[in-house]
């Protein structure tokens, strides 16, 4: 995990939840941790990390993840045993 991934991980676990996290950064973090991002129909993606899955939509037209998406990403990371 590089410095950018560590910064994204810290931002995901920060309270209150930040609305300024770029969704591509979350995807990059998951891939850096050994997970997979699978393209689905439209803007849907399936993110898999250590047998844990998260189905979501990429934000559009903006690139920042919504607060609820950051919270769902935090839950995925916690289920997978990843902590900052």
N, C-alpha and C. Protein backbone atom coordinates (compact mmCIF):
# COMPACT_ATOMS: atom_id res chain seq x y z
N UNK A 1 0.86 -1.16 0.00
CA UNK A 1 0.00 0.00 0.00
C UNK A 1 0.91 1.23 0.00
N UNK A 2 0.67 2.11 -0.94
CA UNK A 2 1.49 3.31 -1.04
C UNK A 2 0.91 4.45 -0.19
N UNK A 3 1.58 5.59 -0.20
CA UNK A 3 1.18 6.72 0.64
C UNK A 3 -0.20 7.24 0.27
N UNK A 4 -0.54 7.25 -1.01
CA UNK A 4 -1.85 7.73 -1.43
C UNK A 4 -2.95 6.81 -0.91
N UNK A 5 -2.70 5.50 -0.92
CA UNK A 5 -3.68 4.55 -0.39
C UNK A 5 -3.87 4.76 1.11
N UNK A 6 -2.78 4.99 1.84
CA UNK A 6 -2.88 5.22 3.29
C UNK A 6 -3.67 6.49 3.58
N UNK A 7 -3.48 7.52 2.76
CA UNK A 7 -4.21 8.78 2.93
C UNK A 7 -5.71 8.57 2.66
N UNK A 8 -6.04 7.81 1.63
CA UNK A 8 -7.44 7.50 1.32
C UNK A 8 -8.06 6.68 2.43
N UNK A 9 -7.32 5.69 2.94
CA UNK A 9 -7.82 4.85 4.03
C UNK A 9 -8.11 5.69 5.27
N UNK A 10 -7.22 6.59 5.61
CA UNK A 10 -7.44 7.47 6.77
C UNK A 10 -8.66 8.36 6.54
N UNK A 11 -8.85 8.86 5.32
CA UNK A 11 -10.00 9.72 5.02
C UNK A 11 -11.31 8.94 5.12
N UNK A 12 -11.30 7.68 4.71
CA UNK A 12 -12.52 6.85 4.78
C UNK A 12 -12.92 6.63 6.23
N UNK A 13 -11.94 6.42 7.12
CA UNK A 13 -12.25 6.14 8.52
C UNK A 13 -12.40 7.41 9.37
N UNK A 14 -12.17 8.59 8.80
CA UNK A 14 -12.29 9.83 9.55
C UNK A 14 -13.76 10.12 9.89
N UNK A 15 -13.95 10.72 11.07
CA UNK A 15 -15.29 11.15 11.48
C UNK A 15 -15.27 12.65 11.65
N UNK A 16 -16.23 13.41 11.24
CA UNK A 16 -17.40 13.02 10.46
C UNK A 16 -17.03 12.61 9.04
N UNK A 17 -17.91 11.88 8.42
CA UNK A 17 -17.66 11.33 7.09
C UNK A 17 -17.44 12.44 6.08
N UNK A 18 -16.36 12.32 5.33
CA UNK A 18 -15.99 13.34 4.34
C UNK A 18 -16.69 13.10 3.01
N UNK A 19 -17.25 14.16 2.40
CA UNK A 19 -17.84 14.01 1.07
C UNK A 19 -16.85 14.32 -0.05
N UNK A 20 -15.56 14.48 0.27
CA UNK A 20 -14.57 14.90 -0.72
C UNK A 20 -13.61 13.80 -1.13
N UNK A 21 -13.99 12.55 -0.97
CA UNK A 21 -13.12 11.43 -1.35
C UNK A 21 -13.47 11.03 -2.77
N UNK A 22 -12.47 10.99 -3.63
CA UNK A 22 -12.68 10.62 -5.03
C UNK A 22 -12.95 9.12 -5.10
N UNK A 23 -14.01 8.73 -5.80
CA UNK A 23 -14.41 7.33 -5.86
C UNK A 23 -13.31 6.47 -6.48
N UNK A 24 -12.60 6.99 -7.46
CA UNK A 24 -11.50 6.25 -8.08
C UNK A 24 -10.40 5.95 -7.06
N UNK A 25 -10.24 6.80 -6.05
CA UNK A 25 -9.28 6.56 -4.99
C UNK A 25 -9.68 5.37 -4.13
N UNK A 26 -10.98 5.21 -3.90
CA UNK A 26 -11.48 4.05 -3.15
C UNK A 26 -11.22 2.78 -3.96
N UNK A 27 -11.50 2.83 -5.26
CA UNK A 27 -11.24 1.67 -6.12
C UNK A 27 -9.75 1.33 -6.12
N UNK A 28 -8.90 2.33 -6.22
CA UNK A 28 -7.46 2.12 -6.23
C UNK A 28 -6.99 1.50 -4.92
N UNK A 29 -7.55 1.95 -3.79
CA UNK A 29 -7.20 1.40 -2.49
C UNK A 29 -7.55 -0.09 -2.43
N UNK A 30 -8.75 -0.43 -2.87
CA UNK A 30 -9.18 -1.84 -2.85
C UNK A 30 -8.25 -2.70 -3.71
N UNK A 31 -7.90 -2.22 -4.88
CA UNK A 31 -6.99 -2.96 -5.75
C UNK A 31 -5.61 -3.08 -5.10
N UNK A 32 -5.15 -2.01 -4.45
CA UNK A 32 -3.87 -2.03 -3.75
C UNK A 32 -3.84 -3.01 -2.60
N UNK A 33 -5.01 -3.30 -2.01
CA UNK A 33 -5.11 -4.26 -0.92
C UNK A 33 -5.30 -5.69 -1.43
N UNK A 34 -5.33 -5.86 -2.75
CA UNK A 34 -5.48 -7.20 -3.32
C UNK A 34 -6.90 -7.54 -3.74
N UNK A 35 -7.78 -6.54 -3.77
CA UNK A 35 -9.16 -6.76 -4.16
C UNK A 35 -9.37 -6.58 -5.66
N UNK A 36 -10.63 -6.68 -6.06
CA UNK A 36 -11.00 -6.58 -7.47
C UNK A 36 -12.15 -5.61 -7.65
N UNK A 37 -12.17 -4.94 -8.79
CA UNK A 37 -13.27 -4.05 -9.17
C UNK A 37 -13.78 -4.54 -10.51
N UNK A 38 -15.02 -5.01 -10.52
CA UNK A 38 -15.59 -5.55 -11.76
C UNK A 38 -16.65 -4.60 -12.30
N UNK A 39 -16.52 -4.26 -13.57
CA UNK A 39 -17.50 -3.39 -14.23
C UNK A 39 -18.80 -4.15 -14.42
N UNK A 40 -19.91 -3.49 -14.17
CA UNK A 40 -21.23 -4.08 -14.37
C UNK A 40 -21.99 -3.23 -15.38
N UNK A 41 -23.29 -3.36 -15.42
CA UNK A 41 -24.10 -2.59 -16.36
C UNK A 41 -24.12 -1.12 -15.96
N UNK A 42 -24.04 -0.26 -16.95
CA UNK A 42 -24.10 1.18 -16.69
C UNK A 42 -22.96 1.64 -15.80
N UNK A 43 -23.31 2.31 -14.71
CA UNK A 43 -22.29 2.82 -13.81
C UNK A 43 -22.09 1.91 -12.60
N UNK A 44 -22.67 0.72 -12.64
CA UNK A 44 -22.55 -0.20 -11.52
C UNK A 44 -21.18 -0.86 -11.48
N UNK A 45 -20.71 -1.11 -10.28
CA UNK A 45 -19.45 -1.84 -10.08
C UNK A 45 -19.65 -2.82 -8.93
N UNK A 46 -18.90 -3.91 -8.99
CA UNK A 46 -18.87 -4.89 -7.90
C UNK A 46 -17.45 -4.89 -7.36
N UNK A 47 -17.30 -4.52 -6.09
CA UNK A 47 -16.00 -4.43 -5.46
C UNK A 47 -15.87 -5.61 -4.50
N UNK A 48 -14.80 -6.39 -4.69
CA UNK A 48 -14.56 -7.57 -3.87
C UNK A 48 -13.23 -7.41 -3.15
N UNK A 49 -13.23 -7.65 -1.84
CA UNK A 49 -12.01 -7.57 -1.04
C UNK A 49 -12.07 -8.69 0.00
N UNK A 50 -11.15 -9.64 -0.10
CA UNK A 50 -11.06 -10.77 0.85
C UNK A 50 -12.41 -11.46 1.03
N UNK A 51 -13.06 -11.80 -0.05
CA UNK A 51 -14.34 -12.51 -0.09
C UNK A 51 -15.53 -11.66 0.37
N UNK A 52 -15.29 -10.42 0.73
CA UNK A 52 -16.38 -9.49 1.06
C UNK A 52 -16.73 -8.72 -0.21
N UNK A 53 -18.02 -8.46 -0.43
CA UNK A 53 -18.45 -7.79 -1.66
C UNK A 53 -19.25 -6.54 -1.33
N UNK A 54 -19.16 -5.59 -2.27
CA UNK A 54 -19.94 -4.36 -2.18
C UNK A 54 -20.39 -4.02 -3.59
N UNK A 55 -21.70 -3.94 -3.80
CA UNK A 55 -22.27 -3.55 -5.09
C UNK A 55 -22.70 -2.10 -4.97
N UNK A 56 -22.25 -1.27 -5.91
CA UNK A 56 -22.57 0.15 -5.84
C UNK A 56 -22.56 0.77 -7.24
N UNK A 57 -22.88 2.04 -7.29
CA UNK A 57 -22.85 2.82 -8.53
C UNK A 57 -21.73 3.84 -8.42
N UNK A 58 -21.02 4.04 -9.51
CA UNK A 58 -20.04 5.13 -9.54
C UNK A 58 -20.81 6.45 -9.55
N UNK A 59 -20.32 7.43 -8.82
CA UNK A 59 -21.01 8.71 -8.81
C UNK A 59 -20.89 9.41 -10.17
N UNK A 60 -21.96 10.06 -10.56
CA UNK A 60 -21.92 10.84 -11.79
C UNK A 60 -22.92 11.97 -11.66
N UNK A 61 -22.73 13.10 -12.20
CA UNK A 61 -21.64 13.49 -13.08
C UNK A 61 -20.35 13.80 -12.35
N UNK A 62 -20.37 13.97 -11.02
CA UNK A 62 -19.16 14.29 -10.28
C UNK A 62 -18.29 13.06 -10.07
N UNK A 63 -17.12 13.26 -9.49
CA UNK A 63 -16.21 12.13 -9.26
C UNK A 63 -16.07 11.80 -7.78
N UNK A 64 -16.61 12.66 -6.89
CA UNK A 64 -16.52 12.42 -5.46
C UNK A 64 -17.59 11.44 -5.01
N UNK A 65 -17.19 10.55 -4.10
CA UNK A 65 -18.14 9.59 -3.54
C UNK A 65 -19.10 10.33 -2.60
N UNK A 66 -20.33 9.91 -2.59
CA UNK A 66 -21.32 10.47 -1.67
C UNK A 66 -20.99 9.98 -0.25
N UNK A 67 -21.54 10.65 0.74
CA UNK A 67 -21.27 10.26 2.14
C UNK A 67 -21.67 8.81 2.40
N UNK A 68 -22.85 8.41 1.91
CA UNK A 68 -23.28 7.04 2.16
C UNK A 68 -22.36 6.03 1.48
N UNK A 69 -21.76 6.40 0.35
CA UNK A 69 -20.83 5.49 -0.31
C UNK A 69 -19.53 5.36 0.49
N UNK A 70 -19.06 6.44 1.08
CA UNK A 70 -17.87 6.39 1.93
C UNK A 70 -18.16 5.51 3.15
N UNK A 71 -19.35 5.64 3.73
CA UNK A 71 -19.72 4.82 4.88
C UNK A 71 -19.82 3.35 4.49
N UNK A 72 -20.35 3.05 3.30
CA UNK A 72 -20.42 1.67 2.83
C UNK A 72 -19.02 1.12 2.55
N UNK A 73 -18.13 1.95 2.03
CA UNK A 73 -16.74 1.53 1.81
C UNK A 73 -16.07 1.23 3.14
N UNK A 74 -16.33 2.06 4.16
CA UNK A 74 -15.79 1.83 5.50
C UNK A 74 -16.28 0.48 6.04
N UNK A 75 -17.57 0.20 5.86
CA UNK A 75 -18.12 -1.07 6.32
C UNK A 75 -17.46 -2.25 5.61
N UNK A 76 -17.24 -2.12 4.31
CA UNK A 76 -16.57 -3.19 3.55
C UNK A 76 -15.17 -3.43 4.11
N UNK A 77 -14.43 -2.37 4.34
CA UNK A 77 -13.07 -2.49 4.85
C UNK A 77 -13.07 -3.11 6.26
N UNK A 78 -14.03 -2.72 7.09
CA UNK A 78 -14.11 -3.30 8.43
C UNK A 78 -14.44 -4.77 8.38
N UNK A 79 -15.38 -5.17 7.50
CA UNK A 79 -15.72 -6.60 7.37
C UNK A 79 -14.53 -7.40 6.88
N UNK A 80 -13.69 -6.78 6.04
CA UNK A 80 -12.51 -7.45 5.50
C UNK A 80 -11.34 -7.42 6.48
N UNK A 81 -11.49 -6.71 7.61
CA UNK A 81 -10.44 -6.67 8.61
C UNK A 81 -9.37 -5.63 8.35
N UNK A 82 -9.67 -4.62 7.55
CA UNK A 82 -8.70 -3.56 7.24
C UNK A 82 -8.97 -2.38 8.16
N UNK A 83 -7.93 -1.92 8.83
CA UNK A 83 -8.02 -0.76 9.72
C UNK A 83 -6.91 0.23 9.35
N UNK A 84 -7.12 1.53 9.61
CA UNK A 84 -6.06 2.50 9.29
C UNK A 84 -4.87 2.38 10.22
